């Protein structure tokens, strides 16, 4: 019943729009600040490796994530210095415009969880909760945005190509 409300109700679409705009503004401004003010994730990542999230026994809770940071993220810091600010900015723009909303929110949640796994609590739990609602609502979260036109266009375009491929 609640799922149907979130995914189909115009009232829910209005509420989701407010949540989407709030998250979009937060993501866009965070990304813009990093894009225009210079950004270097090396200190953050090195600190996440040096001070991992630990359990009551003192062992790293997310050892696999620390290994990922050590073996991939830090050696490729230039890539991360590029994709984190750009990703934050594009997630924000997508949410603000309501364009490819579910994709934008998915990637926003990936980043939220990445920050969380690195030990940064901040506003991530709230963003994850609200982002989960947006992602669960699907198309309805972008109903009052560009998704109203973009999603039907993409469905028509990709379904047409699938029909041509199948008929050959």
C-alpha atoms as a PDB file:
ATOM      1  CA  UNK A   1       0.000   0.000   0.000  1.00  0.00           C
ATOM      2  CA  UNK A   2       2.768   2.459   0.936  1.00  0.00           C
ATOM      3  CA  UNK A   3       4.807   1.337  -2.070  1.00  0.00           C
ATOM      4  CA  UNK A   4       1.860   2.042  -4.366  1.00  0.00           C
ATOM      5  CA  UNK A   5       1.437   5.471  -2.766  1.00  0.00           C
ATOM      6  CA  UNK A   6       5.131   6.316  -3.262  1.00  0.00           C
ATOM      7  CA  UNK A   7       5.257   5.055  -6.837  1.00  0.00           C
ATOM      8  CA  UNK A   8       1.912   6.284  -8.194  1.00  0.00           C
ATOM      9  CA  UNK A   9       0.422   9.118  -6.134  1.00  0.00           C
ATOM     10  CA  UNK A  10       0.649  12.691  -7.386  1.00  0.00           C
ATOM     11  CA  UNK A  11       0.679  13.836  -3.750  1.00  0.00           C
ATOM     12  CA  UNK A  12       3.690  11.606  -3.123  1.00  0.00           C
ATOM     13  CA  UNK A  13       5.292  13.003  -6.295  1.00  0.00           C
ATOM     14  CA  UNK A  14       5.002  16.486  -4.796  1.00  0.00           C
ATOM     15  CA  UNK A  15       6.550  15.395  -1.494  1.00  0.00           C
ATOM     16  CA  UNK A  16       9.277  13.502  -3.361  1.00  0.00           C
ATOM     17  CA  UNK A  17      10.011  16.628  -5.396  1.00  0.00           C
ATOM     18  CA  UNK A  18      10.705  18.598  -2.222  1.00  0.00           C
ATOM     19  CA  UNK A  19      13.010  15.839  -0.923  1.00  0.00           C
ATOM     20  CA  UNK A  20      14.670  15.545  -4.352  1.00  0.00           C
ATOM     21  CA  UNK A  21      15.303  19.302  -4.514  1.00  0.00           C
ATOM     22  CA  UNK A  22      16.772  19.333  -1.001  1.00  0.00           C
ATOM     23  CA  UNK A  23      19.160  16.478  -1.786  1.00  0.00           C
ATOM     24  CA  UNK A  24      19.947  17.866  -5.227  1.00  0.00           C
ATOM     25  CA  UNK A  25      20.934  21.254  -3.834  1.00  0.00           C
ATOM     26  CA  UNK A  26      23.142  19.618  -1.204  1.00  0.00           C
ATOM     27  CA  UNK A  27      24.881  17.399  -3.777  1.00  0.00           C
ATOM     28  CA  UNK A  28      25.285  20.131  -6.372  1.00  0.00           C
ATOM     29  CA  UNK A  29      26.746  22.698  -3.969  1.00  0.00           C
ATOM     30  CA  UNK A  30      29.121  20.125  -2.460  1.00  0.00           C
ATOM     31  CA  UNK A  31      30.347  19.161  -5.924  1.00  0.00           C
ATOM     32  CA  UNK A  32      30.566  22.760  -7.131  1.00  0.00           C
ATOM     33  CA  UNK A  33      32.636  23.728  -4.101  1.00  0.00           C
ATOM     34  CA  UNK A  34      35.081  20.936  -4.866  1.00  0.00           C
ATOM     35  CA  UNK A  35      35.159  21.700  -8.600  1.00  0.00           C
ATOM     36  CA  UNK A  36      35.864  25.404  -8.132  1.00  0.00           C
ATOM     37  CA  UNK A  37      37.856  25.358  -4.897  1.00  0.00           C
ATOM     38  CA  UNK A  38      40.270  22.585  -5.702  1.00  0.00           C
ATOM     39  CA  UNK A  39      39.884  19.116  -4.300  1.00  0.00           C
ATOM     40  CA  UNK A  40      42.345  16.498  -3.134  1.00  0.00           C
ATOM     41  CA  UNK A  41      40.977  13.299  -1.611  1.00  0.00           C
ATOM     42  CA  UNK A  42      44.394  11.877  -0.681  1.00  0.00           C
ATOM     43  CA  UNK A  43      44.324  13.158   2.922  1.00  0.00           C
ATOM     44  CA  UNK A  44      40.793  11.880   3.446  1.00  0.00           C
ATOM     45  CA  UNK A  45      41.567   8.447   1.972  1.00  0.00           C
ATOM     46  CA  UNK A  46      44.870   8.087   3.843  1.00  0.00           C
ATOM     47  CA  UNK A  47      43.079   8.968   7.088  1.00  0.00           C
ATOM     48  CA  UNK A  48      40.338   6.405   6.323  1.00  0.00           C
ATOM     49  CA  UNK A  49      43.050   3.744   5.895  1.00  0.00           C
ATOM     50  CA  UNK A  50      45.013   4.830   8.977  1.00  0.00           C
ATOM     51  CA  UNK A  51      41.875   5.066  11.160  1.00  0.00           C
ATOM     52  CA  UNK A  52      39.368   2.509   9.873  1.00  0.00           C
ATOM     53  CA  UNK A  53      35.981   1.953  11.433  1.00  0.00           C
ATOM     54  CA  UNK A  54      36.598  -0.561  14.217  1.00  0.00           C
ATOM     55  CA  UNK A  55      34.355  -2.846  16.198  1.00  0.00           C
ATOM     56  CA  UNK A  56      34.390  -3.471  19.949  1.00  0.00           C
ATOM     57  CA  UNK A  57      37.272  -5.919  19.491  1.00  0.00           C
ATOM     58  CA  UNK A  58      39.430  -3.207  17.874  1.00  0.00           C
ATOM     59  CA  UNK A  59      39.474  -4.864  14.450  1.00  0.00           C
ATOM     60  CA  UNK A  60      38.448  -3.073  11.266  1.00  0.00           C
ATOM     61  CA  UNK A  61      34.753  -3.643  10.583  1.00  0.00           C
ATOM     62  CA  UNK A  62      35.080  -3.005   6.848  1.00  0.00           C
ATOM     63  CA  UNK A  63      38.476  -4.525   6.148  1.00  0.00           C
ATOM     64  CA  UNK A  64      37.535  -5.152   2.533  1.00  0.00           C
ATOM     65  CA  UNK A  65      36.878  -1.424   2.078  1.00  0.00           C
ATOM     66  CA  UNK A  66      40.227  -0.470   3.617  1.00  0.00           C
ATOM     67  CA  UNK A  67      41.865  -2.928   1.198  1.00  0.00           C
ATOM     68  CA  UNK A  68      39.987  -1.303  -1.691  1.00  0.00           C
ATOM     69  CA  UNK A  69      41.194   2.136  -0.608  1.00  0.00           C
ATOM     70  CA  UNK A  70      44.810   0.958  -0.222  1.00  0.00           C
ATOM     71  CA  UNK A  71      45.025  -1.086  -3.404  1.00  0.00           C
ATOM     72  CA  UNK A  72      42.859   0.912  -5.823  1.00  0.00           C
ATOM     73  CA  UNK A  73      41.660   4.316  -4.635  1.00  0.00           C
ATOM     74  CA  UNK A  74      44.925   5.746  -3.282  1.00  0.00           C
ATOM     75  CA  UNK A  75      47.077   4.543  -6.220  1.00  0.00           C
ATOM     76  CA  UNK A  76      44.497   6.113  -8.564  1.00  0.00           C
ATOM     77  CA  UNK A  77      43.996   9.309  -6.572  1.00  0.00           C
ATOM     78  CA  UNK A  78      43.958  11.456  -9.715  1.00  0.00           C
ATOM     79  CA  UNK A  79      40.926   9.559 -10.977  1.00  0.00           C
ATOM     80  CA  UNK A  80      39.117   9.971  -7.654  1.00  0.00           C
ATOM     81  CA  UNK A  81      40.024  13.667  -7.486  1.00  0.00           C
ATOM     82  CA  UNK A  82      38.235  14.001 -10.827  1.00  0.00           C
ATOM     83  CA  UNK A  83      35.190  11.733 -10.402  1.00  0.00           C
ATOM     84  CA  UNK A  84      34.163  12.648  -6.834  1.00  0.00           C
ATOM     85  CA  UNK A  85      33.545  16.387  -7.428  1.00  0.00           C
ATOM     86  CA  UNK A  86      32.123  15.807 -10.904  1.00  0.00           C
ATOM     87  CA  UNK A  87      29.947  12.955  -9.625  1.00  0.00           C
ATOM     88  CA  UNK A  88      28.615  15.015  -6.723  1.00  0.00           C
ATOM     89  CA  UNK A  89      27.831  17.916  -9.043  1.00  0.00           C
ATOM     90  CA  UNK A  90      26.098  15.738 -11.662  1.00  0.00           C
ATOM     91  CA  UNK A  91      24.063  13.871  -9.034  1.00  0.00           C
ATOM     92  CA  UNK A  92      22.905  17.255  -7.757  1.00  0.00           C
ATOM     93  CA  UNK A  93      22.015  18.561 -11.217  1.00  0.00           C
ATOM     94  CA  UNK A  94      20.141  15.351 -12.048  1.00  0.00           C
ATOM     95  CA  UNK A  95      18.126  15.563  -8.839  1.00  0.00           C
ATOM     96  CA  UNK A  96      17.419  19.280  -9.161  1.00  0.00           C
ATOM     97  CA  UNK A  97      16.210  18.901 -12.742  1.00  0.00           C
ATOM     98  CA  UNK A  98      14.456  15.597 -12.080  1.00  0.00           C
ATOM     99  CA  UNK A  99      16.370  14.111 -15.012  1.00  0.00           C
ATOM    100  CA  UNK A 100      17.386  10.450 -14.772  1.00  0.00           C
ATOM    101  CA  UNK A 101      16.411  10.759 -11.134  1.00  0.00           C
ATOM    102  CA  UNK A 102      16.758   7.111 -10.158  1.00  0.00           C
ATOM    103  CA  UNK A 103      20.201   6.837 -11.776  1.00  0.00           C
ATOM    104  CA  UNK A 104      21.348  10.052 -10.104  1.00  0.00           C
ATOM    105  CA  UNK A 105      20.058   8.881  -6.726  1.00  0.00           C
ATOM    106  CA  UNK A 106      21.650   5.452  -7.139  1.00  0.00           C
ATOM    107  CA  UNK A 107      25.069   7.014  -7.705  1.00  0.00           C
ATOM    108  CA  UNK A 108      24.465   9.473  -4.877  1.00  0.00           C
ATOM    109  CA  UNK A 109      23.758   6.562  -2.554  1.00  0.00           C
ATOM    110  CA  UNK A 110      26.921   4.779  -3.739  1.00  0.00           C
ATOM    111  CA  UNK A 111      28.897   7.870  -2.733  1.00  0.00           C
ATOM    112  CA  UNK A 112      27.009   8.213   0.582  1.00  0.00           C
ATOM    113  CA  UNK A 113      27.811   4.622   1.464  1.00  0.00           C
ATOM    114  CA  UNK A 114      31.444   5.113   0.412  1.00  0.00           C
ATOM    115  CA  UNK A 115      31.788   8.068   2.767  1.00  0.00           C
ATOM    116  CA  UNK A 116      30.023   6.104   5.493  1.00  0.00           C
ATOM    117  CA  UNK A 117      32.308   3.062   5.050  1.00  0.00           C
ATOM    118  CA  UNK A 118      35.312   5.376   5.315  1.00  0.00           C
ATOM    119  CA  UNK A 119      34.072   6.478   8.740  1.00  0.00           C
ATOM    120  CA  UNK A 120      32.391   9.787   7.927  1.00  0.00           C
ATOM    121  CA  UNK A 121      29.004   9.954   9.595  1.00  0.00           C
ATOM    122  CA  UNK A 122      28.071  13.631   9.093  1.00  0.00           C
ATOM    123  CA  UNK A 123      24.685  13.898   7.322  1.00  0.00           C
ATOM    124  CA  UNK A 124      25.131  10.610   5.448  1.00  0.00           C
ATOM    125  CA  UNK A 125      22.524   8.612   7.426  1.00  0.00           C
ATOM    126  CA  UNK A 126      19.867  11.234   6.672  1.00  0.00           C
ATOM    127  CA  UNK A 127      20.904  11.410   3.023  1.00  0.00           C
ATOM    128  CA  UNK A 128      20.845   7.609   2.753  1.00  0.00           C
ATOM    129  CA  UNK A 129      17.371   7.459   4.286  1.00  0.00           C
ATOM    130  CA  UNK A 130      15.944  10.176   2.038  1.00  0.00           C
ATOM    131  CA  UNK A 131      17.820   8.856  -0.992  1.00  0.00           C
ATOM    132  CA  UNK A 132      16.436   5.381  -0.371  1.00  0.00           C
ATOM    133  CA  UNK A 133      12.921   6.787  -0.472  1.00  0.00           C
ATOM    134  CA  UNK A 134      13.667   8.590  -3.761  1.00  0.00           C
ATOM    135  CA  UNK A 135      15.210   5.455  -5.273  1.00  0.00           C
ATOM    136  CA  UNK A 136      12.331   3.249  -4.107  1.00  0.00           C
ATOM    137  CA  UNK A 137       9.757   5.647  -5.552  1.00  0.00           C
ATOM    138  CA  UNK A 138      11.361   5.329  -8.989  1.00  0.00           C
ATOM    139  CA  UNK A 139       9.785   7.311 -11.819  1.00  0.00           C
ATOM    140  CA  UNK A 140       7.354   9.107  -9.510  1.00  0.00           C
ATOM    141  CA  UNK A 141      10.256  10.946  -7.847  1.00  0.00           C
ATOM    142  CA  UNK A 142      10.973  12.668 -11.164  1.00  0.00           C
ATOM    143  CA  UNK A 143       7.360  13.104 -12.272  1.00  0.00           C
ATOM    144  CA  UNK A 144       7.577  16.853 -11.661  1.00  0.00           C
ATOM    145  CA  UNK A 145      10.842  17.215 -13.514  1.00  0.00           C
ATOM    146  CA  UNK A 146      12.450  16.351 -16.830  1.00  0.00           C
ATOM    147  CA  UNK A 147      11.836  12.633 -16.283  1.00  0.00           C
ATOM    148  CA  UNK A 148       8.256  13.303 -17.335  1.00  0.00           C
ATOM    149  CA  UNK A 149       9.584  13.588 -20.912  1.00  0.00           C
ATOM    150  CA  UNK A 150      13.010  11.918 -20.777  1.00  0.00           C
ATOM    151  CA  UNK A 151      11.927   8.528 -19.407  1.00  0.00           C
ATOM    152  CA  UNK A 152       9.134   7.935 -21.987  1.00  0.00           C
ATOM    153  CA  UNK A 153      11.523   9.020 -24.765  1.00  0.00           C
ATOM    154  CA  UNK A 154      14.209   6.589 -23.566  1.00  0.00           C
ATOM    155  CA  UNK A 155      11.697   3.749 -23.191  1.00  0.00           C
ATOM    156  CA  UNK A 156      10.368   4.360 -26.696  1.00  0.00           C
ATOM    157  CA  UNK A 157      13.871   4.600 -28.162  1.00  0.00           C
ATOM    158  CA  UNK A 158      15.266   1.500 -26.470  1.00  0.00           C
ATOM    159  CA  UNK A 159      12.125  -0.580 -27.002  1.00  0.00           C
ATOM    160  CA  UNK A 160      12.207   0.277 -30.702  1.00  0.00           C
ATOM    161  CA  UNK A 161      15.835  -0.884 -30.959  1.00  0.00           C
ATOM    162  CA  UNK A 162      15.029  -4.076 -29.039  1.00  0.00           C
ATOM    163  CA  UNK A 163      12.146  -4.864 -31.441  1.00  0.00           C
ATOM    164  CA  UNK A 164      14.409  -4.378 -34.467  1.00  0.00           C
ATOM    165  CA  UNK A 165      17.077  -6.653 -32.971  1.00  0.00           C
ATOM    166  CA  UNK A 166      14.554  -9.377 -32.096  1.00  0.00           C
ATOM    167  CA  UNK A 167      12.895  -9.345 -35.532  1.00  0.00           C
ATOM    168  CA  UNK A 168      16.193  -9.854 -37.416  1.00  0.00           C
END
